[in-house]
């Protein structure tokens, strides 16, 4: 009998090449066991290919024009201020540490994530079933949870079983957690202990199981060099298999998706997007990693601003809207045909520009370049992501017990809802990908 429960495993920043090599050579044996039993493909993420944007699409099944999370850092027109989710800790300090923490932990889910989008947790629990989430930053649900840290009185509304880096823990699992241990895989080890506890008790109908530490290691070492971090992520996956009594026992209970949220490419050249806009008044530049946005507070000057990026070697493709039409500009020329060179390029570019929180001009970085953040921080010598390029934008997707893997991460949430016998949101009933 097919499984009626589901498990979504997300390994942040894992590239298809690293995944494919690891399962072929069995250096990630838990993933290899799952891979042997599933259907695999390379799929496209959204644009900008940055974690808050991508995870919001994963758990809602919506492109950014629906869920409205535009970037890691963006300008809030209504409040006339910057929102910084954590491009770097130094950038968070520049934007205001207290406000940045509130934005990243609370407001992203409470206020910034559009109510026009529906999270998997909301869909599952509105049907009277149990959703669980481990460590994922896009967590909006129906159940209030009080923080475990003294002095933090603000509740977060997440799924019934909710574990957020042990700041919020809905259940006593005994899982150890050491703050600041992410470079050594501490987040993934914590997830493994919580996941083992949940699977042992069969304590959910849907579990979203997020493993962030590979991305940190890849930023530091480069996308093809984070082998130790992938081994630790695989150990966290192994914890689920062992808790169920092995891979086949796990798959008797749960349909499974394994994926990443975005890719990564190596970067060597940090540059400031602000340099092209010196002396221009009433313009706000937000950038980090390999994508940037330009906000025109004057109105009506998107083309003028886009043209200022002509000749900038870091700005491979520049996007804006003119007279209601999408314009894609590269190397001094224009034409939507350039978007065909990118995975799901037209759909991703259109959705990014139609996001009400995006800038008037969007910039996708050229290979090897990275835009410095508010504090001038970058990952030169390591890996980064955010652009339309395939290396930043292709992700591995493995489905088991769910049929054909979707071609976009926006297809994963609808697939899981179908498996659970739940209704898709209106925006996800007919998916079309360029």
Protein backbone atom coordinates (compact mmCIF):
# COMPACT_ATOMS: atom_id res chain seq x y z
CA UNK A 1 0.00 0.00 0.00
CA UNK A 2 1.46 3.43 -0.90
CA UNK A 3 2.70 5.60 1.95
CA UNK A 4 0.21 8.24 3.10
CA UNK A 5 2.75 10.36 4.96
CA UNK A 6 5.65 12.35 3.56
CA UNK A 7 9.17 13.52 4.29
CA UNK A 8 10.94 16.44 2.60
CA UNK A 9 14.73 16.49 3.09
CA UNK A 10 16.46 19.74 2.03
CA UNK A 11 20.28 19.93 1.94
CA UNK A 12 21.04 23.62 1.57
CA UNK A 13 23.32 24.54 -1.33
CA UNK A 14 23.94 20.98 -2.55
CA UNK A 15 24.79 21.03 -6.25
CA UNK A 16 23.64 18.30 -8.65
CA UNK A 17 27.25 17.45 -9.47
CA UNK A 18 28.17 16.87 -5.82
CA UNK A 19 25.01 14.85 -5.21
CA UNK A 20 25.46 12.69 -8.31
CA UNK A 21 29.10 12.00 -7.53
CA UNK A 22 28.32 11.13 -3.91
CA UNK A 23 25.57 8.64 -4.73
CA UNK A 24 27.54 7.10 -7.59
CA UNK A 25 30.65 6.55 -5.47
CA UNK A 26 28.53 5.87 -2.34
CA UNK A 27 30.46 8.42 -0.31
CA UNK A 28 27.01 9.45 0.95
CA UNK A 29 25.65 5.94 1.59
CA UNK A 30 22.29 6.95 3.09
CA UNK A 31 21.53 9.16 0.11
CA UNK A 32 22.72 6.39 -2.21
CA UNK A 33 20.26 3.92 -0.67
CA UNK A 34 17.41 6.35 -1.23
CA UNK A 35 18.63 7.21 -4.73
CA UNK A 36 18.50 3.55 -5.78
CA UNK A 37 14.78 3.46 -4.99
CA UNK A 38 13.65 6.76 -6.51
CA UNK A 39 13.35 8.94 -9.58
CA UNK A 40 15.96 11.64 -10.04
CA UNK A 41 16.38 14.75 -12.14
CA UNK A 42 18.03 18.16 -12.15
CA UNK A 43 15.45 20.88 -11.54
CA UNK A 44 15.44 24.68 -11.45
CA UNK A 45 15.13 26.86 -8.39
CA UNK A 46 13.73 30.42 -8.37
CA UNK A 47 15.44 33.78 -8.86
CA UNK A 48 17.20 35.26 -7.02
CA UNK A 49 18.59 31.85 -6.05
CA UNK A 50 19.06 32.86 -2.41
CA UNK A 51 17.97 30.83 0.60
CA UNK A 52 14.99 32.86 1.94
CA UNK A 53 13.52 33.15 -1.56
CA UNK A 54 14.12 29.50 -2.43
CA UNK A 55 12.87 28.02 0.85
CA UNK A 56 9.74 30.14 0.64
CA UNK A 57 9.07 28.66 -2.80
CA UNK A 58 9.79 25.13 -1.57
CA UNK A 59 7.28 25.24 1.27
CA UNK A 60 4.56 27.18 -0.57
CA UNK A 61 4.89 25.89 -4.14
CA UNK A 62 4.81 29.53 -5.26
CA UNK A 63 7.12 31.69 -7.31
CA UNK A 64 8.33 34.91 -5.62
CA UNK A 65 5.62 37.05 -7.24
CA UNK A 66 3.15 35.14 -5.04
CA UNK A 67 5.04 34.63 -1.77
CA UNK A 68 6.74 38.08 -2.03
CA UNK A 69 10.10 37.26 -0.39
CA UNK A 70 12.50 39.00 -2.82
CA UNK A 71 16.11 38.59 -1.59
CA UNK A 72 18.37 38.22 1.44
CA UNK A 73 18.34 42.02 1.76
CA UNK A 74 15.65 44.32 0.39
CA UNK A 75 14.03 47.72 0.77
CA UNK A 76 10.66 47.83 2.52
CA UNK A 77 8.83 50.60 0.69
CA UNK A 78 5.99 50.79 3.22
CA UNK A 79 8.34 51.19 6.18
CA UNK A 80 11.07 53.01 4.21
CA UNK A 81 13.87 50.85 5.57
CA UNK A 82 16.17 47.95 4.73
CA UNK A 83 15.25 44.38 5.62
CA UNK A 84 18.32 42.21 6.17
CA UNK A 85 17.86 38.49 6.82
CA UNK A 86 21.54 37.77 7.39
CA UNK A 87 23.76 38.14 4.33
CA UNK A 88 26.52 38.11 6.95
CA UNK A 89 26.59 38.87 10.65
CA UNK A 90 28.41 42.10 9.85
CA UNK A 91 25.65 43.08 7.41
CA UNK A 92 23.08 42.29 10.10
CA UNK A 93 24.87 44.68 12.46
CA UNK A 94 24.96 47.41 9.81
CA UNK A 95 21.21 47.10 9.28
CA UNK A 96 20.57 46.97 13.03
CA UNK A 97 21.14 43.75 14.91
CA UNK A 98 17.95 43.66 16.97
CA UNK A 99 15.76 44.62 14.05
CA UNK A 100 17.58 42.19 11.76
CA UNK A 101 17.04 39.30 14.16
CA UNK A 102 13.35 40.16 14.44
CA UNK A 103 13.09 40.36 10.64
CA UNK A 104 14.84 37.04 10.06
CA UNK A 105 13.17 35.01 12.80
CA UNK A 106 9.74 36.57 13.15
CA UNK A 107 8.71 39.14 10.55
CA UNK A 108 9.75 37.11 7.52
CA UNK A 109 7.07 34.57 8.45
CA UNK A 110 4.54 36.82 10.19
CA UNK A 111 4.54 39.80 7.84
CA UNK A 112 6.77 39.48 4.78
CA UNK A 113 5.64 36.04 3.56
CA UNK A 114 2.44 36.89 1.70
CA UNK A 115 -0.89 35.58 2.92
CA UNK A 116 -1.63 34.88 -0.75
CA UNK A 117 0.71 31.92 -0.38
CA UNK A 118 -0.05 28.84 1.72
CA UNK A 119 2.67 26.86 3.45
CA UNK A 120 2.73 23.09 3.57
CA UNK A 121 2.36 23.27 7.34
CA UNK A 122 -0.82 25.34 7.07
CA UNK A 123 -2.33 22.99 4.50
CA UNK A 124 -1.52 19.89 6.54
CA UNK A 125 -2.76 21.18 9.86
CA UNK A 126 -5.88 22.82 8.43
CA UNK A 127 -6.81 19.26 7.43
CA UNK A 128 -6.43 18.10 11.05
CA UNK A 129 -3.11 16.33 10.50
CA UNK A 130 0.33 16.87 12.04
CA UNK A 131 3.15 18.84 10.39
CA UNK A 132 6.71 19.00 11.67
CA UNK A 133 9.67 21.19 10.75
CA UNK A 134 13.31 21.03 11.79
CA UNK A 135 15.57 24.11 11.47
CA UNK A 136 13.92 25.61 8.38
CA UNK A 137 13.63 29.40 8.37
CA UNK A 138 10.35 29.47 6.41
CA UNK A 139 8.07 27.87 8.97
CA UNK A 140 4.71 29.71 9.11
CA UNK A 141 2.03 27.54 10.68
CA UNK A 142 -0.96 27.71 12.98
CA UNK A 143 0.52 26.80 16.39
CA UNK A 144 2.11 29.40 18.70
CA UNK A 145 5.44 28.45 20.28
CA UNK A 146 7.26 30.28 23.07
CA UNK A 147 11.03 30.61 22.82
CA UNK A 148 13.22 28.61 25.18
CA UNK A 149 15.63 31.50 25.74
CA UNK A 150 14.84 33.67 28.78
CA UNK A 151 13.79 37.19 27.88
CA UNK A 152 12.37 36.29 24.44
CA UNK A 153 8.64 36.60 24.99
CA UNK A 154 7.46 36.82 21.38
CA UNK A 155 5.79 33.65 20.14
CA UNK A 156 6.41 32.16 16.72
CA UNK A 157 3.57 30.51 14.82
CA UNK A 158 4.88 27.31 13.27
CA UNK A 159 3.74 23.73 12.74
CA UNK A 160 2.59 21.66 15.70
CA UNK A 161 5.98 19.97 15.97
CA UNK A 162 8.47 22.77 15.57
CA UNK A 163 12.24 22.79 16.11
CA UNK A 164 14.12 25.94 15.15
CA UNK A 165 17.80 25.54 16.10
CA UNK A 166 16.54 24.88 19.66
CA UNK A 167 15.32 28.48 20.01
CA UNK A 168 11.86 26.96 19.62
CA UNK A 169 11.27 23.32 20.55
CA UNK A 170 7.76 21.97 20.71
CA UNK A 171 8.87 18.70 22.35
CA UNK A 172 11.62 17.56 24.69
CA UNK A 173 13.76 15.33 22.51
CA UNK A 174 17.07 15.39 24.37
CA UNK A 175 18.79 16.66 21.21
CA UNK A 176 22.03 18.51 22.03
CA UNK A 177 22.69 21.87 20.45
CA UNK A 178 25.80 24.06 20.55
CA UNK A 179 25.25 27.62 19.26
CA UNK A 180 27.87 28.73 16.77
CA UNK A 181 28.83 25.17 15.81
CA UNK A 182 27.50 25.32 12.25
CA UNK A 183 30.95 25.12 10.62
CA UNK A 184 31.48 21.79 12.36
CA UNK A 185 28.06 20.48 11.37
CA UNK A 186 26.35 21.26 14.68
CA UNK A 187 23.04 22.21 13.09
CA UNK A 188 22.86 18.99 11.09
CA UNK A 189 23.74 16.87 14.13
CA UNK A 190 20.98 18.58 16.07
CA UNK A 191 18.56 17.91 13.19
CA UNK A 192 19.62 14.26 13.15
CA UNK A 193 18.83 13.83 16.83
CA UNK A 194 15.43 15.52 16.48
CA UNK A 195 14.64 13.59 13.30
CA UNK A 196 15.50 10.30 14.99
CA UNK A 197 13.11 11.18 17.84
CA UNK A 198 10.29 12.09 15.43
CA UNK A 199 10.62 9.04 13.17
CA UNK A 200 10.93 6.65 16.11
CA UNK A 201 7.52 7.89 17.29
CA UNK A 202 6.06 8.23 13.77
CA UNK A 203 5.16 11.65 15.10
CA UNK A 204 4.03 13.49 11.96
CA UNK A 205 2.15 13.29 8.69
CA UNK A 206 4.64 15.63 7.01
CA UNK A 207 8.19 16.43 8.11
CA UNK A 208 10.26 19.18 6.49
CA UNK A 209 13.83 18.32 7.45
CA UNK A 210 16.31 21.08 6.68
CA UNK A 211 20.09 20.56 6.80
CA UNK A 212 21.87 23.93 6.44
CA UNK A 213 25.50 23.17 7.20
CA UNK A 214 26.57 22.06 3.71
CA UNK A 215 25.88 25.57 2.43
CA UNK A 216 28.11 27.16 5.07
CA UNK A 217 30.96 24.82 4.19
CA UNK A 218 30.49 25.36 0.46
CA UNK A 219 30.63 29.14 0.89
CA UNK A 220 33.97 28.72 2.63
CA UNK A 221 35.60 25.95 0.60
CA UNK A 222 33.80 26.13 -2.74
CA UNK A 223 30.94 24.06 -4.14
CA UNK A 224 33.08 21.10 -5.16
CA UNK A 225 35.14 20.89 -1.98
CA UNK A 226 32.65 20.52 0.89
CA UNK A 227 32.89 16.72 1.07
CA UNK A 228 33.13 16.52 4.86
CA UNK A 229 29.98 18.63 5.21
CA UNK A 230 28.10 16.34 2.83
CA UNK A 231 29.18 13.36 4.90
CA UNK A 232 27.70 15.03 7.99
CA UNK A 233 24.46 15.76 6.13
CA UNK A 234 24.35 12.14 5.04
CA UNK A 235 24.75 11.11 8.69
CA UNK A 236 21.65 13.19 9.50
CA UNK A 237 19.75 11.37 6.75
CA UNK A 238 21.03 8.07 8.10
CA UNK A 239 19.51 8.95 11.47
CA UNK A 240 16.04 8.89 9.85
CA UNK A 241 16.65 5.56 8.13
CA UNK A 242 17.95 3.94 11.29
CA UNK A 243 15.07 5.27 13.38
CA UNK A 244 12.59 3.62 11.00
CA UNK A 245 14.47 0.31 10.95
CA UNK A 246 16.19 0.79 7.59
CA UNK A 247 15.52 2.37 4.24
CA UNK A 248 12.75 0.00 3.17
CA UNK A 249 10.94 0.37 6.49
CA UNK A 250 11.17 4.15 6.15
CA UNK A 251 9.69 4.02 2.63
CA UNK A 252 6.81 1.84 3.80
CA UNK A 253 5.72 4.76 5.98
CA UNK A 254 6.73 7.85 4.03
CA UNK A 255 6.96 9.14 0.50
CA UNK A 256 10.24 11.02 0.28
CA UNK A 257 11.67 14.03 -1.53
CA UNK A 258 15.37 14.86 -1.31
CA UNK A 259 16.45 18.16 -2.82
CA UNK A 260 18.47 21.32 -2.47
CA UNK A 261 17.17 24.88 -2.48
CA UNK A 262 19.83 26.31 -4.84
CA UNK A 263 23.23 25.52 -6.30
CA UNK A 264 26.55 27.28 -5.89
CA UNK A 265 29.42 28.40 -8.10
CA UNK A 266 32.97 29.43 -7.27
CA UNK A 267 33.63 33.17 -6.95
CA UNK A 268 36.91 35.08 -7.13
CA UNK A 269 35.95 38.69 -7.80
CA UNK A 270 34.06 40.70 -5.14
CA UNK A 271 32.56 43.96 -6.35
CA UNK A 272 30.17 46.59 -5.07
CA UNK A 273 26.96 47.15 -7.03
CA UNK A 274 26.86 50.65 -5.54
CA UNK A 275 29.81 51.73 -7.70
CA UNK A 276 27.64 52.15 -10.80
CA UNK A 277 25.23 54.50 -9.04
CA UNK A 278 27.49 57.07 -7.45
CA UNK A 279 25.92 60.53 -7.38
CA UNK A 280 22.39 59.23 -8.14
CA UNK A 281 19.87 60.48 -5.58
CA UNK A 282 16.77 58.65 -4.35
CA UNK A 283 18.05 55.22 -5.31
CA UNK A 284 18.51 52.29 -2.92
CA UNK A 285 20.86 49.43 -3.81
CA UNK A 286 20.47 46.05 -2.13
CA UNK A 287 22.89 43.26 -2.97
CA UNK A 288 24.65 40.25 -1.58
CA UNK A 289 26.01 37.01 -2.97
CA UNK A 290 25.34 36.92 -6.74
CA UNK A 291 22.17 38.98 -7.15
CA UNK A 292 21.32 42.62 -6.66
CA UNK A 293 18.37 44.98 -6.82
CA UNK A 294 18.03 48.69 -7.53
CA UNK A 295 15.06 50.58 -6.08
CA UNK A 296 14.08 53.76 -7.87
CA UNK A 297 12.40 56.00 -5.29
CA UNK A 298 11.78 58.68 -7.95
CA UNK A 299 9.69 56.50 -10.24
CA UNK A 300 9.85 55.93 -13.99
CA UNK A 301 13.60 55.67 -14.45
CA UNK A 302 14.24 51.92 -14.58
CA UNK A 303 15.84 52.02 -18.03
CA UNK A 304 18.13 54.87 -17.08
CA UNK A 305 19.31 52.91 -14.05
CA UNK A 306 19.72 49.69 -16.00
CA UNK A 307 21.87 51.44 -18.63
CA UNK A 308 24.29 52.53 -15.92
CA UNK A 309 25.30 48.86 -15.62
CA UNK A 310 26.39 48.61 -19.26
CA UNK A 311 30.06 47.72 -19.31
CA UNK A 312 30.09 46.44 -15.73
CA UNK A 313 31.72 42.99 -16.06
CA UNK A 314 29.96 41.77 -12.89
CA UNK A 315 26.45 42.46 -14.24
CA UNK A 316 25.79 39.68 -16.74
CA UNK A 317 22.03 40.13 -17.15
CA UNK A 318 19.99 43.15 -16.07
CA UNK A 319 16.18 42.94 -15.82
CA UNK A 320 13.52 45.63 -15.65
CA UNK A 321 9.96 46.34 -16.76
CA UNK A 322 9.11 48.99 -19.34
CA UNK A 323 5.55 49.75 -20.47
CA UNK A 324 4.43 46.56 -18.79
CA UNK A 325 6.93 44.38 -20.67
CA UNK A 326 9.89 42.45 -19.28
CA UNK A 327 13.23 43.68 -20.60
CA UNK A 328 16.38 41.56 -20.34
CA UNK A 329 19.61 43.40 -21.11
CA UNK A 330 23.08 41.91 -21.66
CA UNK A 331 26.25 43.20 -23.33
CA UNK A 332 24.50 46.36 -24.46
CA UNK A 333 21.70 44.50 -26.23
CA UNK A 334 18.17 43.48 -25.31
CA UNK A 335 15.95 40.47 -25.91
CA UNK A 336 14.15 37.76 -24.02
CA UNK A 337 16.12 35.16 -25.95
CA UNK A 338 18.97 35.58 -23.46
CA UNK A 339 16.72 34.11 -20.77
CA UNK A 340 16.44 30.86 -22.70
CA UNK A 341 20.06 30.20 -21.75
CA UNK A 342 19.11 29.91 -18.08
CA UNK A 343 17.12 27.10 -16.39
CA UNK A 344 13.41 28.09 -16.34
CA UNK A 345 14.79 31.54 -17.17
CA UNK A 346 11.71 33.36 -18.43
CA UNK A 347 9.41 32.17 -15.64
CA UNK A 348 11.99 32.91 -12.95
CA UNK A 349 12.85 36.38 -14.26
CA UNK A 350 9.20 37.32 -14.72
CA UNK A 351 8.23 36.17 -11.22
CA UNK A 352 11.15 38.02 -9.64
CA UNK A 353 10.26 41.31 -11.35
CA UNK A 354 6.55 40.91 -10.56
CA UNK A 355 7.32 40.55 -6.86
CA UNK A 356 5.92 43.68 -5.21
CA UNK A 357 8.89 43.83 -2.83
CA UNK A 358 11.57 43.65 -5.55
CA UNK A 359 13.54 46.55 -6.92
CA UNK A 360 12.79 48.15 -10.28
CA UNK A 361 16.05 46.75 -11.67
CA UNK A 362 17.34 43.23 -10.93
CA UNK A 363 20.91 42.14 -11.60
CA UNK A 364 22.22 38.62 -12.15
CA UNK A 365 25.97 38.34 -11.63
CA UNK A 366 28.45 37.08 -14.22
CA UNK A 367 30.48 33.90 -13.59
CA UNK A 368 33.11 34.36 -10.90
CA UNK A 369 31.68 37.63 -9.54
CA UNK A 370 29.97 38.32 -6.24
CA UNK A 371 28.30 41.49 -4.99
CA UNK A 372 29.49 42.57 -1.57
CA UNK A 373 26.86 42.98 1.16
CA UNK A 374 26.06 45.99 3.35
CA UNK A 375 29.25 45.47 5.34
CA UNK A 376 31.44 44.75 2.31
CA UNK A 377 31.59 41.01 3.09
CA UNK A 378 31.92 38.36 0.37
CA UNK A 379 32.91 34.72 -0.27
CA UNK A 380 35.77 35.23 -2.74
CA UNK A 381 37.82 32.05 -2.93
CA UNK A 382 34.79 29.98 -2.00
CA UNK A 383 31.29 29.48 -3.32
CA UNK A 384 28.26 31.70 -3.76
CA UNK A 385 24.86 31.77 -5.44
CA UNK A 386 21.93 33.99 -6.37
CA UNK A 387 22.21 34.44 -10.15
CA UNK A 388 20.25 33.02 -13.06
CA UNK A 389 23.21 30.87 -14.16
CA UNK A 390 22.74 27.12 -14.19
CA UNK A 391 25.43 26.54 -11.57
CA UNK A 392 23.55 28.69 -9.06
CA UNK A 393 20.13 27.57 -10.21
CA UNK A 394 20.07 23.83 -10.81
CA UNK A 395 19.27 21.55 -7.89
CA UNK A 396 19.12 17.78 -7.43
CA UNK A 397 15.60 16.43 -6.87
CA UNK A 398 14.94 12.82 -5.89
CA UNK A 399 11.38 11.56 -5.40
CA UNK A 400 10.40 8.19 -3.94
CA UNK A 401 6.80 7.06 -3.96
CA UNK A 402 5.66 10.27 -5.64
CA UNK A 403 6.07 9.66 -9.36
CA UNK A 404 8.07 11.90 -11.66
CA UNK A 405 10.27 14.52 -10.04
CA UNK A 406 9.17 18.08 -10.95
CA UNK A 407 11.27 20.39 -13.12
CA UNK A 408 11.07 23.27 -10.65
CA UNK A 409 11.23 23.45 -6.88
CA UNK A 410 7.81 25.13 -7.05
CA UNK A 411 6.43 21.71 -8.04
CA UNK A 412 7.55 19.96 -4.86
CA UNK A 413 4.93 21.29 -2.43
CA UNK A 414 2.01 20.47 -4.79
CA UNK A 415 3.42 16.97 -5.27
CA UNK A 416 3.52 16.44 -1.50
CA UNK A 417 -0.01 17.79 -1.07
CA UNK A 418 -1.25 15.37 -3.73
CA UNK A 419 0.43 12.51 -1.88
CA UNK A 420 -1.25 13.51 1.38
CA UNK A 421 -4.64 13.81 -0.32
CA UNK A 422 -4.85 17.55 0.31
CA UNK A 423 -6.02 20.33 -1.98
CA UNK A 424 -3.46 22.46 -3.76
CA UNK A 425 -3.66 26.27 -3.43
CA UNK A 426 -5.17 27.99 -6.45
CA UNK A 427 -1.80 29.21 -7.73
CA UNK A 428 -0.43 25.64 -7.72
CA UNK A 429 -3.28 23.86 -9.45
CA UNK A 430 -1.84 24.29 -12.93
CA UNK A 431 1.95 24.67 -12.96
CA UNK A 432 3.65 25.93 -16.10
CA UNK A 433 7.39 26.27 -16.45
CA UNK A 434 9.17 28.08 -19.23
